[in-house]
């Protein structure tokens, strides 16, 4: 029953996996499913995995849904950009050409600094990109080019981030230790 499945996917999009092939090809139903859980794109018909609006809704809800989109949509810059904005680590799933796209990579590393490891070699040597990554996660410096390891501004930003994190941990530890001694 279509109405029953529609109600189910609105509550839990991944229940699309139990729907018939016919219902997995129903655009309205699949759109409702991926808006609730982007990973439901995995169970959509091939035609709907190639539907830009459906794929965009899926990756905006869960970036990793990009894995289930058609090859053409995985190569679509706007779809990839939406996916990495939702989860920076999705950069590992985008096509190689898009890992060299500065805007896509910047969006990814601003969300997850460690996504720098999936960027093209050229962008791992790009100061703006590397700075964005280490300002989000200081230890992302590990994935930058050798020349960036020698850049004073980049190293300082990475050290300041790590120092800030360690300072917060120290304060929390110190406050916890004081509370235990009382």
N, C-alpha and C. Protein backbone atom coordinates (compact mmCIF):
# COMPACT_ATOMS: atom_id res chain seq x y z
N UNK A 1 0.85 -1.18 0.00
CA UNK A 1 0.00 0.00 0.00
C UNK A 1 0.89 1.25 0.00
N UNK A 2 0.78 2.08 -1.01
CA UNK A 2 1.61 3.26 -1.19
C UNK A 2 1.52 4.22 -0.01
N UNK A 3 0.30 4.46 0.46
CA UNK A 3 0.12 5.43 1.57
C UNK A 3 0.81 4.94 2.84
N UNK A 4 0.76 3.66 3.08
CA UNK A 4 1.41 3.08 4.26
C UNK A 4 2.94 3.24 4.15
N UNK A 5 3.48 2.96 2.97
CA UNK A 5 4.94 3.10 2.76
C UNK A 5 5.34 4.57 2.85
N UNK A 6 4.54 5.46 2.30
CA UNK A 6 4.83 6.90 2.40
C UNK A 6 4.89 7.33 3.86
N UNK A 7 3.93 6.90 4.65
CA UNK A 7 3.94 7.23 6.08
C UNK A 7 5.18 6.66 6.77
N UNK A 8 5.56 5.45 6.39
CA UNK A 8 6.73 4.81 7.00
C UNK A 8 8.01 5.56 6.66
N UNK A 9 8.21 5.92 5.38
CA UNK A 9 9.46 6.59 5.00
C UNK A 9 9.52 8.01 5.55
N UNK A 10 8.39 8.60 5.84
CA UNK A 10 8.41 9.94 6.45
C UNK A 10 8.88 9.87 7.89
N UNK A 11 8.68 8.71 8.52
CA UNK A 11 9.16 8.49 9.89
C UNK A 11 10.60 7.99 9.91
N UNK A 12 10.92 7.11 8.95
CA UNK A 12 12.25 6.53 8.85
C UNK A 12 12.53 6.26 7.38
N UNK A 13 13.26 7.16 6.74
CA UNK A 13 13.50 7.07 5.31
C UNK A 13 14.11 5.77 4.86
N UNK A 14 14.90 5.16 5.73
CA UNK A 14 15.60 3.94 5.33
C UNK A 14 14.66 2.75 5.18
N UNK A 15 13.42 2.88 5.65
CA UNK A 15 12.47 1.78 5.45
C UNK A 15 12.13 1.61 3.98
N UNK A 16 12.61 2.52 3.15
CA UNK A 16 12.42 2.37 1.70
C UNK A 16 13.00 1.02 1.23
N UNK A 17 13.96 0.50 1.95
CA UNK A 17 14.58 -0.77 1.56
C UNK A 17 13.56 -1.92 1.51
N UNK A 18 12.45 -1.79 2.21
CA UNK A 18 11.44 -2.85 2.24
C UNK A 18 10.35 -2.65 1.19
N UNK A 19 10.42 -1.54 0.48
CA UNK A 19 9.39 -1.23 -0.52
C UNK A 19 9.62 -2.02 -1.80
N UNK A 20 8.56 -2.19 -2.55
CA UNK A 20 8.64 -2.89 -3.84
C UNK A 20 9.44 -2.06 -4.83
N UNK A 21 9.90 -2.70 -5.91
CA UNK A 21 10.62 -1.98 -6.97
C UNK A 21 9.77 -0.84 -7.52
N UNK A 22 8.49 -1.09 -7.63
CA UNK A 22 7.58 -0.07 -8.15
C UNK A 22 7.57 1.17 -7.25
N UNK A 23 7.53 0.95 -5.94
CA UNK A 23 7.51 2.09 -5.00
C UNK A 23 8.89 2.76 -4.90
N UNK A 24 9.94 1.99 -5.12
CA UNK A 24 11.29 2.57 -5.12
C UNK A 24 11.53 3.42 -6.36
N UNK A 25 10.61 3.38 -7.29
CA UNK A 25 10.67 4.20 -8.50
C UNK A 25 9.65 5.34 -8.44
N UNK A 26 8.95 5.46 -7.32
CA UNK A 26 7.94 6.51 -7.12
C UNK A 26 8.67 7.77 -6.62
N UNK A 27 8.73 8.78 -7.45
CA UNK A 27 9.53 9.98 -7.15
C UNK A 27 9.11 10.65 -5.84
N UNK A 28 7.83 10.85 -5.63
CA UNK A 28 7.34 11.52 -4.42
C UNK A 28 7.73 10.73 -3.17
N UNK A 29 7.57 9.43 -3.25
CA UNK A 29 7.88 8.57 -2.12
C UNK A 29 9.39 8.58 -1.82
N UNK A 30 10.19 8.45 -2.86
CA UNK A 30 11.65 8.44 -2.68
C UNK A 30 12.13 9.80 -2.17
N UNK A 31 11.58 10.87 -2.68
CA UNK A 31 11.95 12.20 -2.21
C UNK A 31 11.65 12.34 -0.72
N UNK A 32 10.50 11.85 -0.29
CA UNK A 32 10.15 11.89 1.15
C UNK A 32 11.16 11.07 1.95
N UNK A 33 11.55 9.91 1.41
CA UNK A 33 12.49 9.04 2.12
C UNK A 33 13.86 9.70 2.27
N UNK A 34 14.40 10.26 1.19
CA UNK A 34 15.75 10.84 1.27
C UNK A 34 15.77 12.14 2.06
N UNK A 35 14.65 12.83 2.14
CA UNK A 35 14.61 14.03 2.97
C UNK A 35 14.66 13.66 4.45
N UNK A 36 14.18 12.47 4.77
CA UNK A 36 14.22 12.00 6.15
C UNK A 36 15.56 11.33 6.44
N UNK A 37 16.08 10.56 5.50
CA UNK A 37 17.38 9.89 5.65
C UNK A 37 18.02 9.79 4.26
N UNK A 38 19.02 10.60 4.03
CA UNK A 38 19.67 10.66 2.73
C UNK A 38 20.18 9.32 2.23
N UNK A 39 20.56 8.44 3.16
CA UNK A 39 21.09 7.13 2.78
C UNK A 39 20.03 6.27 2.07
N UNK A 40 18.77 6.64 2.19
CA UNK A 40 17.71 5.88 1.52
C UNK A 40 17.89 5.92 0.01
N UNK A 41 18.68 6.84 -0.49
CA UNK A 41 18.95 6.91 -1.93
C UNK A 41 19.49 5.57 -2.44
N UNK A 42 20.13 4.86 -1.57
CA UNK A 42 20.69 3.54 -1.91
C UNK A 42 19.62 2.60 -2.47
N UNK A 43 18.38 2.75 -2.01
CA UNK A 43 17.31 1.83 -2.39
C UNK A 43 16.39 2.39 -3.47
N UNK A 44 16.68 3.59 -3.92
CA UNK A 44 15.88 4.20 -4.99
C UNK A 44 16.21 3.52 -6.32
N UNK A 45 15.29 3.62 -7.25
CA UNK A 45 15.54 3.08 -8.59
C UNK A 45 16.72 3.82 -9.22
N UNK A 46 17.35 3.19 -10.20
CA UNK A 46 18.49 3.83 -10.87
C UNK A 46 18.07 5.18 -11.47
N UNK A 47 16.88 5.23 -12.02
CA UNK A 47 16.39 6.48 -12.63
C UNK A 47 16.33 7.60 -11.60
N UNK A 48 15.87 7.27 -10.40
CA UNK A 48 15.77 8.31 -9.36
C UNK A 48 17.13 8.63 -8.75
N UNK A 49 18.06 7.70 -8.79
CA UNK A 49 19.43 8.02 -8.33
C UNK A 49 20.11 8.97 -9.31
N UNK A 50 19.56 9.07 -10.51
CA UNK A 50 20.08 9.98 -11.53
C UNK A 50 19.27 11.27 -11.59
N UNK A 51 18.27 11.40 -10.73
CA UNK A 51 17.42 12.59 -10.67
C UNK A 51 18.13 13.63 -9.79
N UNK A 52 18.47 14.76 -10.36
CA UNK A 52 19.26 15.77 -9.65
C UNK A 52 18.59 16.26 -8.37
N UNK A 53 17.29 16.53 -8.43
CA UNK A 53 16.58 17.03 -7.25
C UNK A 53 16.57 15.99 -6.13
N UNK A 54 16.35 14.74 -6.47
CA UNK A 54 16.34 13.67 -5.47
C UNK A 54 17.74 13.51 -4.86
N UNK A 55 18.75 13.47 -5.69
CA UNK A 55 20.12 13.32 -5.19
C UNK A 55 20.53 14.51 -4.34
N UNK A 56 20.16 15.70 -4.76
CA UNK A 56 20.51 16.91 -3.99
C UNK A 56 19.84 16.86 -2.61
N UNK A 57 18.58 16.47 -2.56
CA UNK A 57 17.89 16.35 -1.27
C UNK A 57 18.59 15.32 -0.38
N UNK A 58 19.02 14.24 -0.98
CA UNK A 58 19.70 13.18 -0.22
C UNK A 58 21.02 13.67 0.35
N UNK A 59 21.86 14.30 -0.45
CA UNK A 59 23.19 14.72 0.04
C UNK A 59 23.09 15.89 1.01
N UNK A 60 22.06 16.69 0.89
CA UNK A 60 21.89 17.78 1.85
C UNK A 60 21.49 17.24 3.22
N UNK A 61 20.81 16.10 3.22
CA UNK A 61 20.43 15.47 4.48
C UNK A 61 21.59 14.64 5.04
N UNK A 62 22.27 13.91 4.17
CA UNK A 62 23.41 13.08 4.58
C UNK A 62 24.41 13.06 3.44
N UNK A 63 25.51 13.73 3.63
CA UNK A 63 26.51 13.89 2.57
C UNK A 63 26.96 12.59 1.92
N UNK A 64 27.10 11.54 2.72
CA UNK A 64 27.58 10.27 2.17
C UNK A 64 26.60 9.62 1.19
N UNK A 65 25.39 10.14 1.09
CA UNK A 65 24.44 9.62 0.10
C UNK A 65 24.99 9.81 -1.30
N UNK A 66 25.99 10.66 -1.45
CA UNK A 66 26.62 10.88 -2.75
C UNK A 66 27.09 9.55 -3.36
N UNK A 67 27.48 8.62 -2.52
CA UNK A 67 27.95 7.31 -3.00
C UNK A 67 26.90 6.59 -3.84
N UNK A 68 25.63 6.87 -3.60
CA UNK A 68 24.54 6.16 -4.26
C UNK A 68 23.97 6.91 -5.45
N UNK A 69 24.43 8.12 -5.65
CA UNK A 69 23.95 8.90 -6.79
C UNK A 69 24.58 8.34 -8.07
N UNK A 70 23.97 8.63 -9.18
CA UNK A 70 24.52 8.18 -10.46
C UNK A 70 25.90 8.80 -10.68
N UNK A 71 26.67 8.17 -11.55
CA UNK A 71 28.02 8.67 -11.86
C UNK A 71 27.94 10.12 -12.33
N UNK A 72 26.97 10.43 -13.17
CA UNK A 72 26.83 11.79 -13.71
C UNK A 72 26.62 12.80 -12.58
N UNK A 73 25.82 12.42 -11.59
CA UNK A 73 25.57 13.35 -10.48
C UNK A 73 26.74 13.41 -9.51
N UNK A 74 27.50 12.33 -9.38
CA UNK A 74 28.70 12.38 -8.55
C UNK A 74 29.73 13.32 -9.18
N UNK A 75 29.63 13.52 -10.49
CA UNK A 75 30.54 14.42 -11.20
C UNK A 75 29.99 15.85 -11.24
N UNK A 76 28.78 16.05 -10.75
CA UNK A 76 28.13 17.36 -10.77
C UNK A 76 28.70 18.21 -9.62
N UNK A 77 29.31 19.32 -9.95
CA UNK A 77 29.98 20.17 -8.97
C UNK A 77 29.05 20.64 -7.86
N UNK A 78 27.83 21.05 -8.22
CA UNK A 78 26.89 21.56 -7.20
C UNK A 78 26.45 20.46 -6.24
N UNK A 79 26.24 19.27 -6.75
CA UNK A 79 25.84 18.15 -5.90
C UNK A 79 27.00 17.79 -4.96
N UNK A 80 28.21 17.73 -5.49
CA UNK A 80 29.39 17.43 -4.67
C UNK A 80 29.60 18.52 -3.61
N UNK A 81 29.41 19.76 -3.99
CA UNK A 81 29.57 20.87 -3.05
C UNK A 81 28.56 20.76 -1.91
N UNK A 82 27.32 20.45 -2.25
CA UNK A 82 26.28 20.28 -1.21
C UNK A 82 26.65 19.13 -0.28
N UNK A 83 27.19 18.06 -0.84
CA UNK A 83 27.56 16.89 -0.03
C UNK A 83 28.69 17.21 0.94
N UNK A 84 29.74 17.89 0.49
CA UNK A 84 30.87 18.19 1.38
C UNK A 84 30.51 19.27 2.40
N UNK A 85 29.55 20.11 2.06
CA UNK A 85 29.10 21.10 3.05
C UNK A 85 28.34 20.42 4.19
N UNK A 86 27.72 19.29 3.88
CA UNK A 86 27.01 18.54 4.92
C UNK A 86 28.01 17.73 5.75
N UNK A 87 29.02 17.17 5.10
CA UNK A 87 30.03 16.36 5.79
C UNK A 87 31.34 16.45 4.99
N UNK A 88 32.31 17.12 5.54
CA UNK A 88 33.58 17.34 4.84
C UNK A 88 34.30 16.08 4.40
N UNK A 89 34.13 15.00 5.16
CA UNK A 89 34.82 13.75 4.81
C UNK A 89 34.30 13.14 3.52
N UNK A 90 33.17 13.61 3.03
CA UNK A 90 32.63 13.10 1.77
C UNK A 90 33.58 13.42 0.62
N UNK A 91 34.53 14.31 0.85
CA UNK A 91 35.51 14.63 -0.19
C UNK A 91 36.18 13.36 -0.71
N UNK A 92 36.30 12.36 0.13
CA UNK A 92 36.91 11.10 -0.31
C UNK A 92 36.06 10.38 -1.36
N UNK A 93 34.78 10.72 -1.46
CA UNK A 93 33.87 10.06 -2.41
C UNK A 93 33.70 10.84 -3.71
N UNK A 94 34.14 12.08 -3.73
CA UNK A 94 33.94 12.87 -4.96
C UNK A 94 34.97 12.48 -6.01
N UNK A 95 34.64 12.72 -7.25
CA UNK A 95 35.53 12.36 -8.34
C UNK A 95 36.82 13.17 -8.26
N UNK A 96 37.88 12.60 -8.77
CA UNK A 96 39.21 13.17 -8.69
C UNK A 96 39.26 14.62 -9.16
N UNK A 97 38.56 14.92 -10.26
CA UNK A 97 38.60 16.30 -10.77
C UNK A 97 38.06 17.30 -9.74
N UNK A 98 37.06 16.88 -8.97
CA UNK A 98 36.47 17.79 -7.99
C UNK A 98 37.32 17.92 -6.73
N UNK A 99 38.23 16.98 -6.52
CA UNK A 99 39.16 17.10 -5.39
C UNK A 99 40.23 18.15 -5.68
N UNK A 100 40.25 18.63 -6.92
CA UNK A 100 41.17 19.70 -7.32
C UNK A 100 40.44 21.02 -7.47
N UNK A 101 39.14 21.04 -7.14
CA UNK A 101 38.32 22.25 -7.22
C UNK A 101 38.43 22.98 -5.89
N UNK A 102 39.02 24.15 -5.91
CA UNK A 102 39.31 24.87 -4.67
C UNK A 102 38.07 25.13 -3.82
N UNK A 103 36.97 25.52 -4.45
CA UNK A 103 35.76 25.82 -3.68
C UNK A 103 35.22 24.56 -3.00
N UNK A 104 35.24 23.45 -3.69
CA UNK A 104 34.76 22.18 -3.12
C UNK A 104 35.65 21.77 -1.95
N UNK A 105 36.95 21.84 -2.14
CA UNK A 105 37.89 21.44 -1.10
C UNK A 105 37.81 22.39 0.10
N UNK A 106 37.72 23.68 -0.15
CA UNK A 106 37.58 24.63 0.97
C UNK A 106 36.33 24.33 1.79
N UNK A 107 35.22 24.07 1.13
CA UNK A 107 33.99 23.74 1.85
C UNK A 107 34.19 22.49 2.71
N UNK A 108 34.90 21.52 2.18
CA UNK A 108 35.14 20.27 2.92
C UNK A 108 36.03 20.50 4.13
N UNK A 109 37.16 21.19 3.96
CA UNK A 109 38.10 21.36 5.08
C UNK A 109 37.58 22.34 6.12
N UNK A 110 36.70 23.23 5.73
CA UNK A 110 36.11 24.13 6.72
C UNK A 110 35.14 23.37 7.62
N UNK A 111 34.59 22.29 7.11
CA UNK A 111 33.69 21.44 7.90
C UNK A 111 34.49 20.41 8.70
N UNK A 112 35.47 19.79 8.05
CA UNK A 112 36.32 18.76 8.67
C UNK A 112 37.75 18.98 8.18
N UNK A 113 38.60 19.52 9.02
CA UNK A 113 39.97 19.82 8.63
C UNK A 113 40.73 18.62 8.07
N UNK A 114 40.46 17.44 8.63
CA UNK A 114 41.16 16.24 8.17
C UNK A 114 40.79 15.84 6.75
N UNK A 115 39.75 16.44 6.18
CA UNK A 115 39.40 16.15 4.78
C UNK A 115 40.53 16.59 3.85
N UNK A 116 41.46 17.38 4.35
CA UNK A 116 42.60 17.82 3.55
C UNK A 116 43.32 16.62 2.91
N UNK A 117 43.32 15.50 3.59
CA UNK A 117 44.01 14.31 3.07
C UNK A 117 43.45 13.84 1.73
N UNK A 118 42.22 14.21 1.39
CA UNK A 118 41.59 13.77 0.14
C UNK A 118 41.70 14.81 -0.97
N UNK A 119 42.26 15.97 -0.65
CA UNK A 119 42.42 17.03 -1.65
C UNK A 119 43.56 16.69 -2.61
N UNK A 120 43.52 17.30 -3.77
CA UNK A 120 44.60 17.10 -4.74
C UNK A 120 45.92 17.60 -4.15
N UNK A 121 47.01 17.10 -4.68
CA UNK A 121 48.34 17.53 -4.21
C UNK A 121 48.51 19.04 -4.35
N UNK A 122 47.99 19.60 -5.44
CA UNK A 122 48.11 21.05 -5.65
C UNK A 122 47.42 21.83 -4.54
N UNK A 123 46.24 21.36 -4.12
CA UNK A 123 45.50 22.09 -3.08
C UNK A 123 46.06 21.82 -1.69
N UNK A 124 46.74 20.71 -1.50
CA UNK A 124 47.42 20.47 -0.22
C UNK A 124 48.64 21.37 -0.08
N UNK A 125 49.02 22.04 -1.17
CA UNK A 125 50.12 23.00 -1.15
C UNK A 125 49.61 24.44 -1.24
N UNK A 126 48.31 24.62 -1.26
CA UNK A 126 47.67 25.94 -1.38
C UNK A 126 47.46 26.50 0.03
N UNK A 127 48.10 27.63 0.31
CA UNK A 127 48.09 28.19 1.67
C UNK A 127 46.69 28.44 2.21
N UNK A 128 45.81 29.02 1.41
CA UNK A 128 44.45 29.31 1.89
C UNK A 128 43.72 28.03 2.31
N UNK A 129 43.87 27.00 1.53
CA UNK A 129 43.20 25.73 1.81
C UNK A 129 43.78 25.11 3.08
N UNK A 130 45.10 25.06 3.17
CA UNK A 130 45.75 24.46 4.33
C UNK A 130 45.44 25.24 5.60
N UNK A 131 45.48 26.56 5.52
CA UNK A 131 45.12 27.38 6.69
C UNK A 131 43.70 27.08 7.16
N UNK A 132 42.77 26.98 6.22
CA UNK A 132 41.38 26.66 6.59
C UNK A 132 41.31 25.31 7.30
N UNK A 133 42.07 24.35 6.79
CA UNK A 133 42.06 23.02 7.39
C UNK A 133 42.63 23.04 8.81
N UNK A 134 43.79 23.66 8.99
CA UNK A 134 44.42 23.63 10.32
C UNK A 134 43.71 24.53 11.32
N UNK A 135 43.00 25.54 10.85
CA UNK A 135 42.21 26.36 11.76
C UNK A 135 41.00 25.57 12.26
N UNK A 136 40.55 24.58 11.49
CA UNK A 136 39.43 23.73 11.89
C UNK A 136 39.95 22.55 12.72
N UNK A 137 41.13 22.05 12.37
CA UNK A 137 41.73 20.90 13.04
C UNK A 137 43.25 20.98 12.87
N UNK A 138 43.93 21.44 13.90
CA UNK A 138 45.37 21.68 13.81
C UNK A 138 46.20 20.52 13.30
N UNK A 139 45.82 19.32 13.69
CA UNK A 139 46.60 18.15 13.29
C UNK A 139 46.44 17.80 11.81
N UNK A 140 45.56 18.51 11.11
CA UNK A 140 45.41 18.30 9.66
C UNK A 140 46.69 18.72 8.93
N UNK A 141 47.56 19.44 9.62
CA UNK A 141 48.84 19.84 9.03
C UNK A 141 49.59 18.61 8.50
N UNK A 142 49.36 17.49 9.11
CA UNK A 142 49.98 16.23 8.68
C UNK A 142 49.76 15.96 7.19
N UNK A 143 48.63 16.41 6.63
CA UNK A 143 48.28 16.11 5.24
C UNK A 143 48.68 17.22 4.26
N UNK A 144 49.25 18.28 4.77
CA UNK A 144 49.68 19.39 3.91
C UNK A 144 51.00 19.05 3.24
N UNK A 145 51.31 19.78 2.19
CA UNK A 145 52.58 19.57 1.48
C UNK A 145 53.76 19.96 2.37
N UNK A 146 54.94 19.49 2.00
CA UNK A 146 56.15 19.80 2.75
C UNK A 146 56.39 21.31 2.83
N UNK A 147 56.10 22.01 1.74
CA UNK A 147 56.32 23.46 1.78
C UNK A 147 55.38 24.14 2.78
N UNK A 148 54.18 23.60 2.98
CA UNK A 148 53.26 24.17 3.96
C UNK A 148 53.73 23.88 5.39
N UNK A 149 54.45 22.79 5.58
CA UNK A 149 55.01 22.47 6.89
C UNK A 149 56.07 23.50 7.28
N UNK A 150 56.63 24.18 6.31
CA UNK A 150 57.66 25.18 6.57
C UNK A 150 57.09 26.61 6.57
N UNK A 151 55.79 26.75 6.31
CA UNK A 151 55.17 28.08 6.28
C UNK A 151 54.83 28.52 7.71
N UNK A 152 55.40 29.63 8.12
CA UNK A 152 55.24 30.11 9.50
C UNK A 152 53.78 30.31 9.88
N UNK A 153 52.99 30.94 9.02
CA UNK A 153 51.59 31.23 9.33
C UNK A 153 50.78 29.94 9.51
N UNK A 154 51.04 28.97 8.65
CA UNK A 154 50.32 27.70 8.70
C UNK A 154 50.67 26.95 9.98
N UNK A 155 51.95 26.85 10.26
CA UNK A 155 52.39 26.12 11.45
C UNK A 155 51.87 26.81 12.71
N UNK A 156 51.92 28.12 12.74
CA UNK A 156 51.42 28.87 13.90
C UNK A 156 49.92 28.62 14.10
N UNK A 157 49.14 28.64 13.03
CA UNK A 157 47.70 28.38 13.14
C UNK A 157 47.45 26.97 13.67
N UNK A 158 48.22 26.01 13.20
CA UNK A 158 48.06 24.63 13.66
C UNK A 158 48.41 24.51 15.15
N UNK A 159 49.51 25.12 15.54
CA UNK A 159 49.94 25.05 16.94
C UNK A 159 48.94 25.76 17.84
N UNK A 160 48.44 26.91 17.42
CA UNK A 160 47.46 27.64 18.22
C UNK A 160 46.20 26.81 18.42
N UNK A 161 45.76 26.11 17.37
CA UNK A 161 44.57 25.27 17.49
C UNK A 161 44.81 24.16 18.51
N UNK A 162 45.94 23.47 18.36
CA UNK A 162 46.25 22.36 19.26
C UNK A 162 46.41 22.88 20.68
N UNK A 163 47.07 24.03 20.86
CA UNK A 163 47.26 24.62 22.18
C UNK A 163 45.90 24.97 22.81
N UNK A 164 45.00 25.51 22.01
CA UNK A 164 43.66 25.86 22.50
C UNK A 164 42.93 24.61 22.98
N UNK A 165 43.00 23.55 22.21
CA UNK A 165 42.34 22.29 22.59
C UNK A 165 42.97 21.73 23.86
N UNK A 166 44.30 21.68 23.89
CA UNK A 166 44.97 21.13 25.07
C UNK A 166 44.72 21.98 26.30
N UNK A 167 44.64 23.31 26.10
CA UNK A 167 44.33 24.20 27.22
C UNK A 167 42.95 23.91 27.79
N UNK A 168 41.98 23.67 26.94
CA UNK A 168 40.63 23.34 27.39
C UNK A 168 40.61 22.01 28.12
N UNK A 169 41.34 21.04 27.60
CA UNK A 169 41.42 19.72 28.25
C UNK A 169 42.07 19.86 29.61
N UNK A 170 43.16 20.64 29.68
CA UNK A 170 43.86 20.83 30.95
C UNK A 170 42.93 21.47 31.98
N UNK A 171 42.21 22.53 31.56
CA UNK A 171 41.30 23.20 32.49
C UNK A 171 40.22 22.25 32.98
N UNK A 172 39.65 21.47 32.10
CA UNK A 172 38.61 20.52 32.50
C UNK A 172 39.18 19.47 33.45
N UNK A 173 40.38 19.00 33.15
CA UNK A 173 41.03 18.01 34.01
C UNK A 173 41.32 18.61 35.37
N UNK A 174 41.85 19.83 35.37
CA UNK A 174 42.21 20.52 36.62
C UNK A 174 40.97 20.75 37.47
N UNK A 175 39.88 21.20 36.85
CA UNK A 175 38.62 21.43 37.58
C UNK A 175 38.09 20.12 38.13
N UNK A 176 38.20 19.04 37.36
CA UNK A 176 37.75 17.73 37.82
C UNK A 176 38.57 17.23 38.99
N UNK A 177 39.87 17.48 38.95
CA UNK A 177 40.76 17.05 40.03
C UNK A 177 40.46 17.83 41.31
N UNK A 178 40.19 19.14 41.18
CA UNK A 178 39.85 19.96 42.34
C UNK A 178 38.54 19.48 42.97
N UNK A 179 37.58 19.13 42.13
CA UNK A 179 36.28 18.68 42.62
C UNK A 179 36.43 17.37 43.39
N UNK A 180 37.35 16.52 42.97
CA UNK A 180 37.55 15.23 43.64
C UNK A 180 38.24 15.38 44.99
N UNK A 181 39.04 16.44 45.15
CA UNK A 181 39.76 16.64 46.40
C UNK A 181 38.90 17.33 47.46
N UNK A 182 37.74 17.82 47.05
CA UNK A 182 36.86 18.51 48.02
C UNK A 182 35.98 17.55 48.75
